[in-house]
C-alpha atoms as a PDB file:
ATOM      1  CA  UNK A   1       0.114   0.005   0.109  1.00  0.00           C
ATOM      2  CA  UNK A   2       2.891   2.506   0.942  1.00  0.00           C
ATOM      3  CA  UNK A   3       4.566   1.708  -2.385  1.00  0.00           C
ATOM      4  CA  UNK A   4       1.308   2.361  -4.215  1.00  0.00           C
ATOM      5  CA  UNK A   5       1.314   5.726  -2.734  1.00  0.00           C
ATOM      6  CA  UNK A   6       4.792   6.447  -3.946  1.00  0.00           C
ATOM      7  CA  UNK A   7       6.891   5.809  -0.717  1.00  0.00           C
ATOM      8  CA  UNK A   8      10.581   4.934  -1.451  1.00  0.00           C
ATOM      9  CA  UNK A   9      11.899   4.744   2.066  1.00  0.00           C
ATOM     10  CA  UNK A  10      11.268   2.845   4.941  1.00  0.00           C
ATOM     11  CA  UNK A  11      11.944   3.328   8.945  1.00  0.00           C
ATOM     12  CA  UNK A  12      10.938  -0.122  10.342  1.00  0.00           C
ATOM     13  CA  UNK A  13      12.060   0.441  13.637  1.00  0.00           C
ATOM     14  CA  UNK A  14      11.271   3.602  14.317  1.00  0.00           C
ATOM     15  CA  UNK A  15       8.982   2.750  17.269  1.00  0.00           C
ATOM     16  CA  UNK A  16      10.330  -0.257  18.131  1.00  0.00           C
ATOM     17  CA  UNK A  17      13.981   0.385  18.306  1.00  0.00           C
ATOM     18  CA  UNK A  18      14.773   3.272  21.308  1.00  0.00           C
ATOM     19  CA  UNK A  19      18.118   5.416  20.990  1.00  0.00           C
ATOM     20  CA  UNK A  20      19.386   5.405  24.508  1.00  0.00           C
ATOM     21  CA  UNK A  21      19.855   8.849  25.707  1.00  0.00           C
ATOM     22  CA  UNK A  22      21.092   7.968  29.259  1.00  0.00           C
ATOM     23  CA  UNK A  23      19.350   8.044  32.551  1.00  0.00           C
ATOM     24  CA  UNK A  24      16.171  10.538  33.042  1.00  0.00           C
ATOM     25  CA  UNK A  25      15.939  12.522  36.119  1.00  0.00           C
ATOM     26  CA  UNK A  26      12.361  12.143  36.587  1.00  0.00           C
ATOM     27  CA  UNK A  27      12.473   8.750  38.675  1.00  0.00           C
ATOM     28  CA  UNK A  28       9.158   7.123  37.477  1.00  0.00           C
ATOM     29  CA  UNK A  29       9.948   4.175  39.851  1.00  0.00           C
ATOM     30  CA  UNK A  30       7.241   4.916  42.722  1.00  0.00           C
ATOM     31  CA  UNK A  31       4.785   5.222  39.668  1.00  0.00           C
ATOM     32  CA  UNK A  32       5.602   1.999  37.990  1.00  0.00           C
ATOM     33  CA  UNK A  33       5.897   0.153  41.360  1.00  0.00           C
ATOM     34  CA  UNK A  34       2.015   1.460  42.206  1.00  0.00           C
ATOM     35  CA  UNK A  35       0.840   0.028  38.998  1.00  0.00           C
ATOM     36  CA  UNK A  36       2.398  -3.400  39.524  1.00  0.00           C
ATOM     37  CA  UNK A  37       0.917  -3.388  42.738  1.00  0.00           C
ATOM     38  CA  UNK A  38      -2.752  -2.968  41.388  1.00  0.00           C
ATOM     39  CA  UNK A  39      -1.912  -5.822  38.583  1.00  0.00           C
ATOM     40  CA  UNK A  40      -0.332  -8.133  41.041  1.00  0.00           C
ATOM     41  CA  UNK A  41      -3.379  -7.832  43.051  1.00  0.00           C
ATOM     42  CA  UNK A  42      -5.792  -8.354  39.857  1.00  0.00           C
ATOM     43  CA  UNK A  43      -3.862 -11.521  39.479  1.00  0.00           C
ATOM     44  CA  UNK A  44      -4.814 -13.090  42.807  1.00  0.00           C
ATOM     45  CA  UNK A  45      -7.289 -15.932  42.682  1.00  0.00           C
ATOM     46  CA  UNK A  46      -9.751 -13.592  44.557  1.00  0.00           C
ATOM     47  CA  UNK A  47      -8.688 -10.069  44.004  1.00  0.00           C
ATOM     48  CA  UNK A  48      -9.482  -7.523  46.614  1.00  0.00           C
ATOM     49  CA  UNK A  49     -11.512  -4.574  45.556  1.00  0.00           C
ATOM     50  CA  UNK A  50     -10.330  -2.979  49.170  1.00  0.00           C
ATOM     51  CA  UNK A  51      -7.084  -3.215  48.608  1.00  0.00           C
ATOM     52  CA  UNK A  52      -7.126  -1.769  44.878  1.00  0.00           C
ATOM     53  CA  UNK A  53      -9.081   0.902  46.290  1.00  0.00           C
ATOM     54  CA  UNK A  54      -6.649   1.900  48.621  1.00  0.00           C
ATOM     55  CA  UNK A  55      -3.654   1.727  46.146  1.00  0.00           C
ATOM     56  CA  UNK A  56      -5.389   3.940  44.245  1.00  0.00           C
ATOM     57  CA  UNK A  57      -6.406   6.662  46.502  1.00  0.00           C
ATOM     58  CA  UNK A  58      -2.814   6.852  47.458  1.00  0.00           C
ATOM     59  CA  UNK A  59      -2.439   9.170  44.326  1.00  0.00           C
ATOM     60  CA  UNK A  60      -4.667  12.185  43.765  1.00  0.00           C
ATOM     61  CA  UNK A  61      -3.811  12.321  40.357  1.00  0.00           C
ATOM     62  CA  UNK A  62      -4.258   8.329  39.430  1.00  0.00           C
ATOM     63  CA  UNK A  63      -7.641   9.178  41.312  1.00  0.00           C
ATOM     64  CA  UNK A  64      -8.967  11.595  39.415  1.00  0.00           C
ATOM     65  CA  UNK A  65      -8.221  10.207  35.910  1.00  0.00           C
ATOM     66  CA  UNK A  66      -9.534   6.782  37.169  1.00  0.00           C
ATOM     67  CA  UNK A  67     -12.663   8.445  38.246  1.00  0.00           C
ATOM     68  CA  UNK A  68     -12.787  10.404  34.722  1.00  0.00           C
ATOM     69  CA  UNK A  69     -12.659   7.102  33.036  1.00  0.00           C
ATOM     70  CA  UNK A  70     -15.637   5.833  35.305  1.00  0.00           C
ATOM     71  CA  UNK A  71     -17.678   8.784  35.008  1.00  0.00           C
ATOM     72  CA  UNK A  72     -18.203   7.988  31.288  1.00  0.00           C
ATOM     73  CA  UNK A  73     -19.656   4.784  31.776  1.00  0.00           C
ATOM     74  CA  UNK A  74     -21.450   5.431  35.076  1.00  0.00           C
ATOM     75  CA  UNK A  75     -24.298   7.882  36.532  1.00  0.00           C
ATOM     76  CA  UNK A  76     -23.295  10.140  39.350  1.00  0.00           C
ATOM     77  CA  UNK A  77     -24.590   7.869  42.036  1.00  0.00           C
ATOM     78  CA  UNK A  78     -22.568   4.890  41.103  1.00  0.00           C
ATOM     79  CA  UNK A  79     -19.477   6.303  41.735  1.00  0.00           C
ATOM     80  CA  UNK A  80     -19.629   7.497  45.114  1.00  0.00           C
ATOM     81  CA  UNK A  81     -16.226   5.824  46.296  1.00  0.00           C
ATOM     82  CA  UNK A  82     -13.131   4.172  44.402  1.00  0.00           C
ATOM     83  CA  UNK A  83     -14.212   0.979  45.665  1.00  0.00           C
ATOM     84  CA  UNK A  84     -18.041   1.183  44.357  1.00  0.00           C
ATOM     85  CA  UNK A  85     -16.953   2.517  41.167  1.00  0.00           C
ATOM     86  CA  UNK A  86     -14.237  -0.660  40.721  1.00  0.00           C
ATOM     87  CA  UNK A  87     -17.312  -2.560  41.536  1.00  0.00           C
ATOM     88  CA  UNK A  88     -19.391  -1.197  38.930  1.00  0.00           C
ATOM     89  CA  UNK A  89     -16.631  -1.306  36.317  1.00  0.00           C
ATOM     90  CA  UNK A  90     -15.515  -5.064  36.951  1.00  0.00           C
ATOM     91  CA  UNK A  91     -12.424  -6.616  37.079  1.00  0.00           C
ATOM     92  CA  UNK A  92     -11.604  -7.323  33.461  1.00  0.00           C
ATOM     93  CA  UNK A  93     -12.390  -3.963  32.497  1.00  0.00           C
ATOM     94  CA  UNK A  94     -10.606  -2.698  35.491  1.00  0.00           C
ATOM     95  CA  UNK A  95      -7.425  -4.532  34.581  1.00  0.00           C
ATOM     96  CA  UNK A  96      -7.642  -2.965  31.063  1.00  0.00           C
ATOM     97  CA  UNK A  97      -7.804   0.815  31.788  1.00  0.00           C
ATOM     98  CA  UNK A  98      -5.183   0.039  34.487  1.00  0.00           C
ATOM     99  CA  UNK A  99      -2.828  -0.808  31.594  1.00  0.00           C
ATOM    100  CA  UNK A 100      -3.960   2.093  29.314  1.00  0.00           C
ATOM    101  CA  UNK A 101      -2.922   4.513  32.315  1.00  0.00           C
ATOM    102  CA  UNK A 102       0.624   3.003  33.147  1.00  0.00           C
ATOM    103  CA  UNK A 103       1.321   3.367  29.641  1.00  0.00           C
ATOM    104  CA  UNK A 104      -0.151   6.402  29.260  1.00  0.00           C
ATOM    105  CA  UNK A 105       2.029   8.127  32.441  1.00  0.00           C
ATOM    106  CA  UNK A 106       5.172   6.167  31.047  1.00  0.00           C
ATOM    107  CA  UNK A 107       4.651   7.589  27.523  1.00  0.00           C
ATOM    108  CA  UNK A 108       4.478  11.228  28.617  1.00  0.00           C
ATOM    109  CA  UNK A 109       4.499  13.003  25.377  1.00  0.00           C
ATOM    110  CA  UNK A 110       5.507   9.898  23.088  1.00  0.00           C
ATOM    111  CA  UNK A 111       3.375   9.413  19.872  1.00  0.00           C
ATOM    112  CA  UNK A 112      -0.061   7.759  20.830  1.00  0.00           C
ATOM    113  CA  UNK A 113       0.954   5.243  18.118  1.00  0.00           C
ATOM    114  CA  UNK A 114       3.409   3.659  20.980  1.00  0.00           C
ATOM    115  CA  UNK A 115       0.670   3.345  23.228  1.00  0.00           C
ATOM    116  CA  UNK A 116      -1.421   1.608  20.612  1.00  0.00           C
ATOM    117  CA  UNK A 117       1.840  -0.800  19.778  1.00  0.00           C
ATOM    118  CA  UNK A 118       2.458  -1.292  23.774  1.00  0.00           C
ATOM    119  CA  UNK A 119      -1.462  -2.296  24.090  1.00  0.00           C
ATOM    120  CA  UNK A 120      -1.589  -4.532  20.905  1.00  0.00           C
ATOM    121  CA  UNK A 121       1.474  -6.329  22.196  1.00  0.00           C
ATOM    122  CA  UNK A 122      -0.507  -7.114  25.631  1.00  0.00           C
ATOM    123  CA  UNK A 123      -3.466  -8.203  24.360  1.00  0.00           C
ATOM    124  CA  UNK A 124      -1.755 -10.273  21.365  1.00  0.00           C
ATOM    125  CA  UNK A 125       0.583 -11.981  24.115  1.00  0.00           C
ATOM    126  CA  UNK A 126      -2.622 -12.775  26.114  1.00  0.00           C
ATOM    127  CA  UNK A 127      -4.071 -14.420  23.336  1.00  0.00           C
ATOM    128  CA  UNK A 128      -1.286 -16.182  22.348  1.00  0.00           C
ATOM    129  CA  UNK A 129      -0.873 -17.477  25.599  1.00  0.00           C
ATOM    130  CA  UNK A 130      -4.443 -18.781  25.784  1.00  0.00           C
ATOM    131  CA  UNK A 131      -4.208 -20.623  22.760  1.00  0.00           C
ATOM    132  CA  UNK A 132      -1.102 -22.220  23.030  1.00  0.00           C
ATOM    133  CA  UNK A 133      -0.818 -22.966  26.956  1.00  0.00           C
ATOM    134  CA  UNK A 134      -4.466 -22.561  28.303  1.00  0.00           C
ATOM    135  CA  UNK A 135      -4.398 -20.067  31.330  1.00  0.00           C
ATOM    136  CA  UNK A 136      -0.859 -21.249  31.885  1.00  0.00           C
ATOM    137  CA  UNK A 137       1.402 -17.849  31.885  1.00  0.00           C
ATOM    138  CA  UNK A 138      -1.792 -15.973  30.767  1.00  0.00           C
ATOM    139  CA  UNK A 139      -1.351 -12.942  33.286  1.00  0.00           C
ATOM    140  CA  UNK A 140       2.420 -12.688  32.811  1.00  0.00           C
ATOM    141  CA  UNK A 141       2.064 -12.973  29.017  1.00  0.00           C
ATOM    142  CA  UNK A 142      -0.282  -9.818  29.103  1.00  0.00           C
ATOM    143  CA  UNK A 143       1.933  -7.741  31.488  1.00  0.00           C
ATOM    144  CA  UNK A 144       5.087  -8.813  29.397  1.00  0.00           C
ATOM    145  CA  UNK A 145       3.628  -7.460  26.445  1.00  0.00           C
ATOM    146  CA  UNK A 146       2.368  -4.451  28.003  1.00  0.00           C
ATOM    147  CA  UNK A 147       5.763  -3.701  29.211  1.00  0.00           C
ATOM    148  CA  UNK A 148       7.982  -4.824  26.365  1.00  0.00           C
ATOM    149  CA  UNK A 149       8.107  -1.141  25.068  1.00  0.00           C
ATOM    150  CA  UNK A 150       8.917   0.401  28.450  1.00  0.00           C
ATOM    151  CA  UNK A 151      12.363   0.757  27.189  1.00  0.00           C
ATOM    152  CA  UNK A 152      11.137   2.848  24.229  1.00  0.00           C
ATOM    153  CA  UNK A 153       8.879   4.796  26.198  1.00  0.00           C
ATOM    154  CA  UNK A 154      11.311   5.782  28.756  1.00  0.00           C
ATOM    155  CA  UNK A 155      14.680   6.046  26.467  1.00  0.00           C
ATOM    156  CA  UNK A 156      16.853   3.784  28.886  1.00  0.00           C
ATOM    157  CA  UNK A 157      17.739   0.228  28.489  1.00  0.00           C
ATOM    158  CA  UNK A 158      15.292  -2.537  29.641  1.00  0.00           C
ATOM    159  CA  UNK A 159      17.237  -3.381  32.248  1.00  0.00           C
ATOM    160  CA  UNK A 160      17.277  -0.086  33.660  1.00  0.00           C
ATOM    161  CA  UNK A 161      13.595   0.535  32.997  1.00  0.00           C
ATOM    162  CA  UNK A 162      12.626  -2.216  34.793  1.00  0.00           C
ATOM    163  CA  UNK A 163      14.910  -1.663  37.655  1.00  0.00           C
ATOM    164  CA  UNK A 164      12.732  -1.375  41.106  1.00  0.00           C
ATOM    165  CA  UNK A 165       9.383  -3.227  39.884  1.00  0.00           C
ATOM    166  CA  UNK A 166       8.048  -6.213  41.638  1.00  0.00           C
ATOM    167  CA  UNK A 167       7.971  -8.492  38.381  1.00  0.00           C
ATOM    168  CA  UNK A 168       7.717 -12.346  37.989  1.00  0.00           C
ATOM    169  CA  UNK A 169      11.158 -13.966  37.137  1.00  0.00           C
ATOM    170  CA  UNK A 170       9.404 -15.253  33.796  1.00  0.00           C
ATOM    171  CA  UNK A 171       8.707 -11.542  32.755  1.00  0.00           C
ATOM    172  CA  UNK A 172      12.241 -10.381  33.750  1.00  0.00           C
ATOM    173  CA  UNK A 173      13.942 -13.457  31.849  1.00  0.00           C
ATOM    174  CA  UNK A 174      11.943 -12.609  28.729  1.00  0.00           C
ATOM    175  CA  UNK A 175      12.199  -8.999  28.634  1.00  0.00           C
ATOM    176  CA  UNK A 176      16.063  -8.491  29.731  1.00  0.00           C
ATOM    177  CA  UNK A 177      17.460 -11.708  28.650  1.00  0.00           C
ATOM    178  CA  UNK A 178      14.934 -13.060  26.145  1.00  0.00           C
ATOM    179  CA  UNK A 179      14.780 -16.336  27.812  1.00  0.00           C
ATOM    180  CA  UNK A 180      12.001 -18.868  28.994  1.00  0.00           C
ATOM    181  CA  UNK A 181       8.684 -19.975  27.605  1.00  0.00           C
ATOM    182  CA  UNK A 182       7.595 -16.638  27.437  1.00  0.00           C
ATOM    183  CA  UNK A 183      10.384 -15.033  25.041  1.00  0.00           C
ATOM    184  CA  UNK A 184       8.642 -17.584  22.385  1.00  0.00           C
ATOM    185  CA  UNK A 185       5.591 -15.236  22.570  1.00  0.00           C
ATOM    186  CA  UNK A 186       7.487 -12.022  22.798  1.00  0.00           C
ATOM    187  CA  UNK A 187       9.695 -13.384  19.713  1.00  0.00           C
ATOM    188  CA  UNK A 188       6.286 -13.817  17.710  1.00  0.00           C
ATOM    189  CA  UNK A 189       5.335 -10.492  18.649  1.00  0.00           C
ATOM    190  CA  UNK A 190       8.058  -9.016  17.263  1.00  0.00           C
ATOM    191  CA  UNK A 191       8.360 -11.127  14.203  1.00  0.00           C
ATOM    192  CA  UNK A 192       4.746 -10.348  13.428  1.00  0.00           C
ATOM    193  CA  UNK A 193       5.534  -6.196  13.406  1.00  0.00           C
ATOM    194  CA  UNK A 194       8.438  -6.697  11.206  1.00  0.00           C
ATOM    195  CA  UNK A 195       6.326  -9.216   8.572  1.00  0.00           C
ATOM    196  CA  UNK A 196       8.976 -12.018   9.322  1.00  0.00           C
ATOM    197  CA  UNK A 197       6.716 -14.679   7.881  1.00  0.00           C
ATOM    198  CA  UNK A 198       9.061 -17.595   8.263  1.00  0.00           C
ATOM    199  CA  UNK A 199       9.887 -16.657  12.006  1.00  0.00           C
ATOM    200  CA  UNK A 200       6.439 -16.446  12.660  1.00  0.00           C
ATOM    201  CA  UNK A 201       5.605 -19.821  11.089  1.00  0.00           C
ATOM    202  CA  UNK A 202       8.559 -21.442  13.053  1.00  0.00           C
ATOM    203  CA  UNK A 203       7.448 -20.095  16.380  1.00  0.00           C
ATOM    204  CA  UNK A 204       3.998 -20.931  15.615  1.00  0.00           C
ATOM    205  CA  UNK A 205       4.793 -24.603  15.303  1.00  0.00           C
ATOM    206  CA  UNK A 206       6.674 -24.574  18.578  1.00  0.00           C
ATOM    207  CA  UNK A 207       3.751 -23.289  19.760  1.00  0.00           C
ATOM    208  CA  UNK A 208       1.308 -25.437  17.987  1.00  0.00           C
ATOM    209  CA  UNK A 209      -0.298 -22.374  16.371  1.00  0.00           C
ATOM    210  CA  UNK A 210      -0.823 -21.932  12.622  1.00  0.00           C
ATOM    211  CA  UNK A 211       0.396 -18.860  10.884  1.00  0.00           C
ATOM    212  CA  UNK A 212      -3.210 -17.785   9.604  1.00  0.00           C
ATOM    213  CA  UNK A 213      -4.450 -18.037  13.373  1.00  0.00           C
ATOM    214  CA  UNK A 214      -1.555 -16.188  14.455  1.00  0.00           C
ATOM    215  CA  UNK A 215      -2.234 -13.316  11.595  1.00  0.00           C
ATOM    216  CA  UNK A 216      -5.977 -13.242  12.867  1.00  0.00           C
ATOM    217  CA  UNK A 217      -4.953 -13.241  16.505  1.00  0.00           C
ATOM    218  CA  UNK A 218      -2.883 -10.114  15.956  1.00  0.00           C
ATOM    219  CA  UNK A 219      -5.432  -8.233  13.728  1.00  0.00           C
ATOM    220  CA  UNK A 220      -7.797  -8.613  16.878  1.00  0.00           C
ATOM    221  CA  UNK A 221      -5.416  -7.267  19.463  1.00  0.00           C
ATOM    222  CA  UNK A 222      -4.537  -4.339  17.022  1.00  0.00           C
ATOM    223  CA  UNK A 223      -8.295  -3.410  16.583  1.00  0.00           C
ATOM    224  CA  UNK A 224      -8.904  -3.751  20.257  1.00  0.00           C
ATOM    225  CA  UNK A 225      -6.000  -1.537  21.314  1.00  0.00           C
ATOM    226  CA  UNK A 226      -6.961   1.067  18.472  1.00  0.00           C
ATOM    227  CA  UNK A 227     -10.629   1.320  20.010  1.00  0.00           C
ATOM    228  CA  UNK A 228      -9.170   1.317  23.291  1.00  0.00           C
ATOM    229  CA  UNK A 229      -6.933   4.651  22.849  1.00  0.00           C
ATOM    230  CA  UNK A 230      -9.636   5.957  21.113  1.00  0.00           C
ATOM    231  CA  UNK A 231     -11.962   5.910  24.101  1.00  0.00           C
ATOM    232  CA  UNK A 232      -9.559   7.235  26.446  1.00  0.00           C
ATOM    233  CA  UNK A 233      -8.441  10.319  24.156  1.00  0.00           C
ATOM    234  CA  UNK A 234     -11.778  11.374  22.685  1.00  0.00           C
END
């Protein structure tokens, strides 16, 4: 399509391969830890609305932004408290918007395409994990995909970006060392973004997923991410 429009030069790594510019002074470790605490609680077999509400209420800005999201979906009498608002929203929807707020905060003034890319990777990784391993590693795959662009968003190395964040060892291994089961999913994500179909086919065979199915999963994840970003930016 781009060729037909007259383009001759292509920059394939513009969003996914960052240029490291050194350590930033605006330390966001506390911010990242706060979101990870919420996501870790959501991973529990029986997540506690009370604990999640307490974490959100520790930050006035996060509370305000969360209530703005809820306000688009609820009546005034349904958001008398953070806990009640979460009950109205439901755990699955809550997790979705925590992902969005995390990437939005970490991205700062970065192009919204990076937010779309991060959310696409998150949803795509989740779908791949479900269809290749059942529910095994599903939550870890979702979070890994979400954080796989954190080095680009923060303009630091992946190792530096993840420092101080309480993540599962499987996620760290995949993102920093490209090792472990989750790394196979990350490699498929990266391969399909670069249209490396041979790599997608090879990795798909390891995960027992046909290439056409993987392509369908990716388009579904991309559609979900674009719709989600549209909702929060409209």
